[in-house]
C-alpha cells in the first residue's frame, strides 16, 4: 500500500535529482576569454570538467580548461555530460545545440570585439607556423556575426538553457561588476574576490579600439 508519506519521500528524491542535473557551461567564439572564465569559476568554487590533455602554452599561459570529449558532441558522444553535473565545462559555440536536452544548462557566453578575436586567432596561427591568409578578415567577420545571431535565436528557443552574456572587454576593464553578474547567475555562492584576482590585464594582448 502506497502511503502519503511514501509519496512525499518519492517526490522529494525526484525533485532533488532533477535539481542536481544543472551544468554550468562556458562558451563563445574561439579567443573570446572562455579559458579565463573557466579559471575564474574554478577558483570561485565550481570545479571544472577537464582532462588536461591540452597543456598551457604561449597563447594561453594559464591553461585551456578543455575536455576533449566535448569535441565529439556532434558525433553523439554525450554520456560524459552526467559527469559535468555541478561542474563547469567549456563548449564551443558551434556545439551548444548538441548538448542533451535532459539536463539544464546555465551558459556563460563570452563576447569580445570581433577585431580582437580575429587578431588573437591570427597570432595563434603565426605562433604555430600555420597560414593566416586562407580566409579574409571580412569573410571571417561576416561568418562570426551570422554565427552569433544563430546562437542567440537558438538560445531563445530552448526551455532548458539559460544564457548570460559577458563582455570580455568589460571584464578586463572593470572586473567586479561582471563577476557580480556571474555570481548571481550561478546562485550567489561563488568567491568573488578570488575570481576578480584571476583577471590579468597583462594578457590583454590584442587590444583594439
C-alpha atoms as a PDB file:
ATOM      1  CA  UNK A   1       0.000   0.000   0.000  1.00  0.00           C
ATOM      2  CA  UNK A   2       1.367   3.378  -1.005  1.00  0.00           C
ATOM      3  CA  UNK A   3       1.048   5.889   1.821  1.00  0.00           C
ATOM      4  CA  UNK A   4       1.121   9.676   1.620  1.00  0.00           C
ATOM      5  CA  UNK A   5       4.472   9.649   3.452  1.00  0.00           C
ATOM      6  CA  UNK A   6       5.958   7.350   0.820  1.00  0.00           C
ATOM      7  CA  UNK A   7       4.692   9.636  -1.939  1.00  0.00           C
ATOM      8  CA  UNK A   8       6.196  12.680  -0.256  1.00  0.00           C
ATOM      9  CA  UNK A   9       9.552  10.927   0.043  1.00  0.00           C
ATOM     10  CA  UNK A  10       9.409   9.888  -3.620  1.00  0.00           C
ATOM     11  CA  UNK A  11       8.714  13.400  -4.876  1.00  0.00           C
ATOM     12  CA  UNK A  12      11.376  14.828  -2.569  1.00  0.00           C
ATOM     13  CA  UNK A  13      14.002  12.497  -4.065  1.00  0.00           C
ATOM     14  CA  UNK A  14      12.701  13.141  -7.594  1.00  0.00           C
ATOM     15  CA  UNK A  15      12.915  16.922  -7.226  1.00  0.00           C
ATOM     16  CA  UNK A  16      16.415  16.666  -5.779  1.00  0.00           C
ATOM     17  CA  UNK A  17      17.530  14.509  -8.689  1.00  0.00           C
ATOM     18  CA  UNK A  18      16.145  16.982 -11.213  1.00  0.00           C
ATOM     19  CA  UNK A  19      17.738  19.954  -9.467  1.00  0.00           C
ATOM     20  CA  UNK A  20      21.159  18.309  -9.481  1.00  0.00           C
ATOM     21  CA  UNK A  21      21.140  17.945 -13.258  1.00  0.00           C
ATOM     22  CA  UNK A  22      22.282  21.532 -13.829  1.00  0.00           C
ATOM     23  CA  UNK A  23      25.529  22.014 -15.731  1.00  0.00           C
ATOM     24  CA  UNK A  24      27.460  25.290 -15.924  1.00  0.00           C
ATOM     25  CA  UNK A  25      28.738  25.878 -19.456  1.00  0.00           C
ATOM     26  CA  UNK A  26      31.275  28.442 -20.639  1.00  0.00           C
ATOM     27  CA  UNK A  27      31.022  29.199 -24.339  1.00  0.00           C
ATOM     28  CA  UNK A  28      31.810  31.757 -27.015  1.00  0.00           C
ATOM     29  CA  UNK A  29      33.885  32.223 -30.130  1.00  0.00           C
ATOM     30  CA  UNK A  30      37.491  30.992 -30.017  1.00  0.00           C
ATOM     31  CA  UNK A  31      39.812  33.517 -28.329  1.00  0.00           C
ATOM     32  CA  UNK A  32      36.964  35.314 -26.580  1.00  0.00           C
ATOM     33  CA  UNK A  33      38.020  34.723 -22.969  1.00  0.00           C
ATOM     34  CA  UNK A  34      36.442  31.319 -22.294  1.00  0.00           C
ATOM     35  CA  UNK A  35      39.581  29.887 -20.683  1.00  0.00           C
ATOM     36  CA  UNK A  36      39.839  32.861 -18.350  1.00  0.00           C
ATOM     37  CA  UNK A  37      36.207  32.466 -17.325  1.00  0.00           C
ATOM     38  CA  UNK A  38      36.752  28.761 -16.667  1.00  0.00           C
ATOM     39  CA  UNK A  39      39.637  29.594 -14.339  1.00  0.00           C
ATOM     40  CA  UNK A  40      37.504  32.217 -12.613  1.00  0.00           C
ATOM     41  CA  UNK A  41      34.774  29.676 -11.935  1.00  0.00           C
ATOM     42  CA  UNK A  42      37.380  27.173 -10.744  1.00  0.00           C
ATOM     43  CA  UNK A  43      38.820  29.489  -8.087  1.00  0.00           C
ATOM     44  CA  UNK A  44      35.330  30.777  -7.335  1.00  0.00           C
ATOM     45  CA  UNK A  45      34.168  27.358  -6.202  1.00  0.00           C
ATOM     46  CA  UNK A  46      32.818  25.479  -9.231  1.00  0.00           C
ATOM     47  CA  UNK A  47      35.112  22.592 -10.188  1.00  0.00           C
ATOM     48  CA  UNK A  48      35.899  22.322 -13.912  1.00  0.00           C
ATOM     49  CA  UNK A  49      35.417  19.228 -16.024  1.00  0.00           C
ATOM     50  CA  UNK A  50      38.777  18.942 -17.794  1.00  0.00           C
ATOM     51  CA  UNK A  51      41.223  16.242 -18.840  1.00  0.00           C
ATOM     52  CA  UNK A  52      44.376  18.414 -19.030  1.00  0.00           C
ATOM     53  CA  UNK A  53      45.255  16.903 -22.417  1.00  0.00           C
ATOM     54  CA  UNK A  54      45.770  20.327 -23.968  1.00  0.00           C
ATOM     55  CA  UNK A  55      48.525  21.980 -21.981  1.00  0.00           C
ATOM     56  CA  UNK A  56      49.120  25.674 -21.368  1.00  0.00           C
ATOM     57  CA  UNK A  57      51.245  27.481 -23.945  1.00  0.00           C
ATOM     58  CA  UNK A  58      52.213  30.992 -25.059  1.00  0.00           C
ATOM     59  CA  UNK A  59      48.699  31.649 -26.374  1.00  0.00           C
ATOM     60  CA  UNK A  60      47.027  30.522 -23.140  1.00  0.00           C
ATOM     61  CA  UNK A  61      49.660  30.611 -20.377  1.00  0.00           C
ATOM     62  CA  UNK A  62      47.092  29.858 -17.669  1.00  0.00           C
ATOM     63  CA  UNK A  63      45.658  26.806 -19.383  1.00  0.00           C
ATOM     64  CA  UNK A  64      42.841  25.939 -21.780  1.00  0.00           C
ATOM     65  CA  UNK A  65      40.490  24.146 -19.358  1.00  0.00           C
ATOM     66  CA  UNK A  66      39.254  21.806 -22.071  1.00  0.00           C
ATOM     67  CA  UNK A  67      37.639  18.372 -22.083  1.00  0.00           C
ATOM     68  CA  UNK A  68      38.394  16.530 -25.322  1.00  0.00           C
ATOM     69  CA  UNK A  69      35.159  14.561 -25.473  1.00  0.00           C
ATOM     70  CA  UNK A  70      33.231  17.812 -25.833  1.00  0.00           C
ATOM     71  CA  UNK A  71      34.535  17.969 -29.407  1.00  0.00           C
ATOM     72  CA  UNK A  72      32.553  14.808 -30.189  1.00  0.00           C
ATOM     73  CA  UNK A  73      29.156  16.165 -29.137  1.00  0.00           C
ATOM     74  CA  UNK A  74      28.049  16.378 -32.761  1.00  0.00           C
ATOM     75  CA  UNK A  75      29.024  12.715 -33.170  1.00  0.00           C
ATOM     76  CA  UNK A  76      26.662  11.681 -30.383  1.00  0.00           C
ATOM     77  CA  UNK A  77      29.161  11.404 -27.536  1.00  0.00           C
ATOM     78  CA  UNK A  78      27.021  12.838 -24.720  1.00  0.00           C
ATOM     79  CA  UNK A  79      27.408  10.244 -21.936  1.00  0.00           C
ATOM     80  CA  UNK A  80      30.076  12.383 -20.264  1.00  0.00           C
ATOM     81  CA  UNK A  81      27.561  15.174 -19.542  1.00  0.00           C
ATOM     82  CA  UNK A  82      26.444  13.254 -16.449  1.00  0.00           C
ATOM     83  CA  UNK A  83      29.940  13.802 -15.043  1.00  0.00           C
ATOM     84  CA  UNK A  84      29.539  17.543 -15.610  1.00  0.00           C
ATOM     85  CA  UNK A  85      26.638  17.925 -13.169  1.00  0.00           C
ATOM     86  CA  UNK A  86      27.555  20.535 -10.581  1.00  0.00           C
ATOM     87  CA  UNK A  87      30.687  21.437 -12.547  1.00  0.00           C
ATOM     88  CA  UNK A  88      31.719  23.849 -15.293  1.00  0.00           C
ATOM     89  CA  UNK A  89      32.644  22.695 -18.790  1.00  0.00           C
ATOM     90  CA  UNK A  90      33.827  24.625 -21.819  1.00  0.00           C
ATOM     91  CA  UNK A  91      31.809  24.084 -25.004  1.00  0.00           C
ATOM     92  CA  UNK A  92      32.497  26.000 -28.209  1.00  0.00           C
ATOM     93  CA  UNK A  93      29.507  27.908 -29.549  1.00  0.00           C
ATOM     94  CA  UNK A  94      29.021  25.653 -32.586  1.00  0.00           C
ATOM     95  CA  UNK A  95      28.476  22.595 -30.374  1.00  0.00           C
ATOM     96  CA  UNK A  96      25.970  24.018 -27.898  1.00  0.00           C
ATOM     97  CA  UNK A  97      22.991  22.709 -29.875  1.00  0.00           C
ATOM     98  CA  UNK A  98      24.214  19.128 -29.426  1.00  0.00           C
ATOM     99  CA  UNK A  99      24.003  19.168 -25.627  1.00  0.00           C
ATOM    100  CA  UNK A 100      21.449  16.547 -24.467  1.00  0.00           C
ATOM    101  CA  UNK A 101      18.056  18.003 -23.596  1.00  0.00           C
ATOM    102  CA  UNK A 102      17.532  16.082 -20.345  1.00  0.00           C
ATOM    103  CA  UNK A 103      19.856  18.447 -18.494  1.00  0.00           C
ATOM    104  CA  UNK A 104      19.518  22.083 -17.504  1.00  0.00           C
ATOM    105  CA  UNK A 105      22.330  24.392 -18.570  1.00  0.00           C
ATOM    106  CA  UNK A 106      23.460  27.793 -17.380  1.00  0.00           C
ATOM    107  CA  UNK A 107      25.592  29.150 -20.196  1.00  0.00           C
ATOM    108  CA  UNK A 108      28.067  31.965 -19.668  1.00  0.00           C
ATOM    109  CA  UNK A 109      28.639  33.174 -23.198  1.00  0.00           C
ATOM    110  CA  UNK A 110      31.746  35.307 -23.670  1.00  0.00           C
ATOM    111  CA  UNK A 111      31.584  38.172 -26.147  1.00  0.00           C
ATOM    112  CA  UNK A 112      34.627  40.039 -27.449  1.00  0.00           C
ATOM    113  CA  UNK A 113      35.203  42.619 -30.156  1.00  0.00           C
ATOM    114  CA  UNK A 114      35.384  40.744 -33.444  1.00  0.00           C
ATOM    115  CA  UNK A 115      38.541  42.620 -34.479  1.00  0.00           C
ATOM    116  CA  UNK A 116      40.285  41.385 -31.347  1.00  0.00           C
ATOM    117  CA  UNK A 117      39.078  37.821 -31.885  1.00  0.00           C
ATOM    118  CA  UNK A 118      40.482  37.865 -35.413  1.00  0.00           C
ATOM    119  CA  UNK A 119      43.788  39.380 -34.296  1.00  0.00           C
ATOM    120  CA  UNK A 120      44.165  36.848 -31.488  1.00  0.00           C
ATOM    121  CA  UNK A 121      43.380  33.918 -33.782  1.00  0.00           C
ATOM    122  CA  UNK A 122      45.838  35.205 -36.369  1.00  0.00           C
ATOM    123  CA  UNK A 123      48.588  35.486 -33.760  1.00  0.00           C
ATOM    124  CA  UNK A 124      47.872  31.926 -32.625  1.00  0.00           C
ATOM    125  CA  UNK A 125      48.274  30.689 -36.216  1.00  0.00           C
ATOM    126  CA  UNK A 126      51.531  32.613 -36.539  1.00  0.00           C
ATOM    127  CA  UNK A 127      52.821  31.037 -33.325  1.00  0.00           C
ATOM    128  CA  UNK A 128      52.028  27.612 -34.757  1.00  0.00           C
ATOM    129  CA  UNK A 129      53.581  28.325 -38.135  1.00  0.00           C
ATOM    130  CA  UNK A 130      50.249  27.987 -39.933  1.00  0.00           C
ATOM    131  CA  UNK A 131      48.962  30.194 -42.812  1.00  0.00           C
ATOM    132  CA  UNK A 132      46.871  33.219 -41.877  1.00  0.00           C
ATOM    133  CA  UNK A 133      45.560  34.290 -45.280  1.00  0.00           C
ATOM    134  CA  UNK A 134      43.247  31.404 -46.229  1.00  0.00           C
ATOM    135  CA  UNK A 135      40.153  33.466 -45.403  1.00  0.00           C
ATOM    136  CA  UNK A 136      39.923  37.259 -45.362  1.00  0.00           C
ATOM    137  CA  UNK A 137      39.098  39.188 -42.197  1.00  0.00           C
ATOM    138  CA  UNK A 138      35.956  40.492 -43.894  1.00  0.00           C
ATOM    139  CA  UNK A 139      34.704  36.984 -44.646  1.00  0.00           C
ATOM    140  CA  UNK A 140      35.502  35.775 -41.136  1.00  0.00           C
ATOM    141  CA  UNK A 141      33.750  38.777 -39.601  1.00  0.00           C
ATOM    142  CA  UNK A 142      30.598  38.057 -41.585  1.00  0.00           C
ATOM    143  CA  UNK A 143      30.731  34.365 -40.654  1.00  0.00           C
ATOM    144  CA  UNK A 144      31.221  35.096 -36.956  1.00  0.00           C
ATOM    145  CA  UNK A 145      28.433  37.673 -36.846  1.00  0.00           C
ATOM    146  CA  UNK A 146      25.969  35.304 -38.538  1.00  0.00           C
ATOM    147  CA  UNK A 147      27.040  32.521 -36.211  1.00  0.00           C
ATOM    148  CA  UNK A 148      26.422  34.685 -33.144  1.00  0.00           C
ATOM    149  CA  UNK A 149      22.984  35.625 -34.463  1.00  0.00           C
ATOM    150  CA  UNK A 150      22.120  31.951 -34.936  1.00  0.00           C
ATOM    151  CA  UNK A 151      23.257  31.176 -31.397  1.00  0.00           C
ATOM    152  CA  UNK A 152      21.008  33.892 -29.963  1.00  0.00           C
ATOM    153  CA  UNK A 153      17.995  32.586 -31.906  1.00  0.00           C
ATOM    154  CA  UNK A 154      18.720  29.037 -30.780  1.00  0.00           C
ATOM    155  CA  UNK A 155      19.127  30.100 -27.149  1.00  0.00           C
ATOM    156  CA  UNK A 156      15.730  31.820 -27.075  1.00  0.00           C
ATOM    157  CA  UNK A 157      14.058  28.623 -28.261  1.00  0.00           C
ATOM    158  CA  UNK A 158      15.467  26.393 -25.505  1.00  0.00           C
ATOM    159  CA  UNK A 159      13.490  25.721 -22.349  1.00  0.00           C
ATOM    160  CA  UNK A 160      16.415  24.058 -20.559  1.00  0.00           C
ATOM    161  CA  UNK A 161      19.092  26.654 -21.344  1.00  0.00           C
ATOM    162  CA  UNK A 162      19.671  29.994 -19.626  1.00  0.00           C
ATOM    163  CA  UNK A 163      22.205  32.442 -21.067  1.00  0.00           C
ATOM    164  CA  UNK A 164      24.339  35.143 -19.503  1.00  0.00           C
ATOM    165  CA  UNK A 165      26.355  37.238 -21.950  1.00  0.00           C
ATOM    166  CA  UNK A 166      29.630  38.556 -20.539  1.00  0.00           C
ATOM    167  CA  UNK A 167      31.811  41.050 -22.375  1.00  0.00           C
ATOM    168  CA  UNK A 168      35.477  40.116 -22.294  1.00  0.00           C
ATOM    169  CA  UNK A 169      36.340  43.771 -22.865  1.00  0.00           C
ATOM    170  CA  UNK A 170      34.207  44.968 -19.965  1.00  0.00           C
ATOM    171  CA  UNK A 171      35.580  42.199 -17.767  1.00  0.00           C
ATOM    172  CA  UNK A 172      39.160  43.320 -18.395  1.00  0.00           C
ATOM    173  CA  UNK A 173      38.325  46.999 -17.918  1.00  0.00           C
ATOM    174  CA  UNK A 174      36.312  46.604 -14.701  1.00  0.00           C
ATOM    175  CA  UNK A 175      36.002  43.009 -13.482  1.00  0.00           C
ATOM    176  CA  UNK A 176      33.929  43.345 -10.327  1.00  0.00           C
ATOM    177  CA  UNK A 177      30.538  44.231 -11.900  1.00  0.00           C
ATOM    178  CA  UNK A 178      30.879  41.341 -14.336  1.00  0.00           C
ATOM    179  CA  UNK A 179      31.921  38.950 -11.569  1.00  0.00           C
ATOM    180  CA  UNK A 180      28.874  40.009  -9.555  1.00  0.00           C
ATOM    181  CA  UNK A 181      26.638  39.203 -12.545  1.00  0.00           C
ATOM    182  CA  UNK A 182      28.208  35.767 -12.928  1.00  0.00           C
ATOM    183  CA  UNK A 183      27.894  35.072  -9.211  1.00  0.00           C
ATOM    184  CA  UNK A 184      24.211  35.986  -9.178  1.00  0.00           C
ATOM    185  CA  UNK A 185      23.585  33.935 -12.326  1.00  0.00           C
ATOM    186  CA  UNK A 186      25.089  30.824 -10.742  1.00  0.00           C
ATOM    187  CA  UNK A 187      23.327  31.018  -7.417  1.00  0.00           C
ATOM    188  CA  UNK A 188      25.183  33.673  -5.415  1.00  0.00           C
ATOM    189  CA  UNK A 189      27.662  31.233  -3.854  1.00  0.00           C
ATOM    190  CA  UNK A 190      30.986  31.984  -5.535  1.00  0.00           C
ATOM    191  CA  UNK A 191      34.134  33.506  -4.037  1.00  0.00           C
ATOM    192  CA  UNK A 192      34.073  36.777  -5.952  1.00  0.00           C
ATOM    193  CA  UNK A 193      37.347  38.085  -4.503  1.00  0.00           C
ATOM    194  CA  UNK A 194      39.299  35.138  -5.884  1.00  0.00           C
ATOM    195  CA  UNK A 195      37.519  35.457  -9.228  1.00  0.00           C
ATOM    196  CA  UNK A 196      38.486  39.112  -9.565  1.00  0.00           C
ATOM    197  CA  UNK A 197      42.116  38.242  -8.877  1.00  0.00           C
ATOM    198  CA  UNK A 198      42.177  35.949 -11.928  1.00  0.00           C
ATOM    199  CA  UNK A 199      41.621  38.837 -14.334  1.00  0.00           C
ATOM    200  CA  UNK A 200      45.053  39.748 -15.658  1.00  0.00           C
ATOM    201  CA  UNK A 201      45.222  42.867 -17.903  1.00  0.00           C
ATOM    202  CA  UNK A 202      48.724  41.785 -18.979  1.00  0.00           C
ATOM    203  CA  UNK A 203      47.118  39.011 -21.026  1.00  0.00           C
ATOM    204  CA  UNK A 204      45.017  41.521 -22.970  1.00  0.00           C
ATOM    205  CA  UNK A 205      47.425  41.417 -25.896  1.00  0.00           C
ATOM    206  CA  UNK A 206      45.196  42.114 -28.903  1.00  0.00           C
ATOM    207  CA  UNK A 207      43.552  45.312 -27.767  1.00  0.00           C
ATOM    208  CA  UNK A 208      41.624  47.128 -30.496  1.00  0.00           C
ATOM    209  CA  UNK A 209      39.782  50.412 -30.401  1.00  0.00           C
END
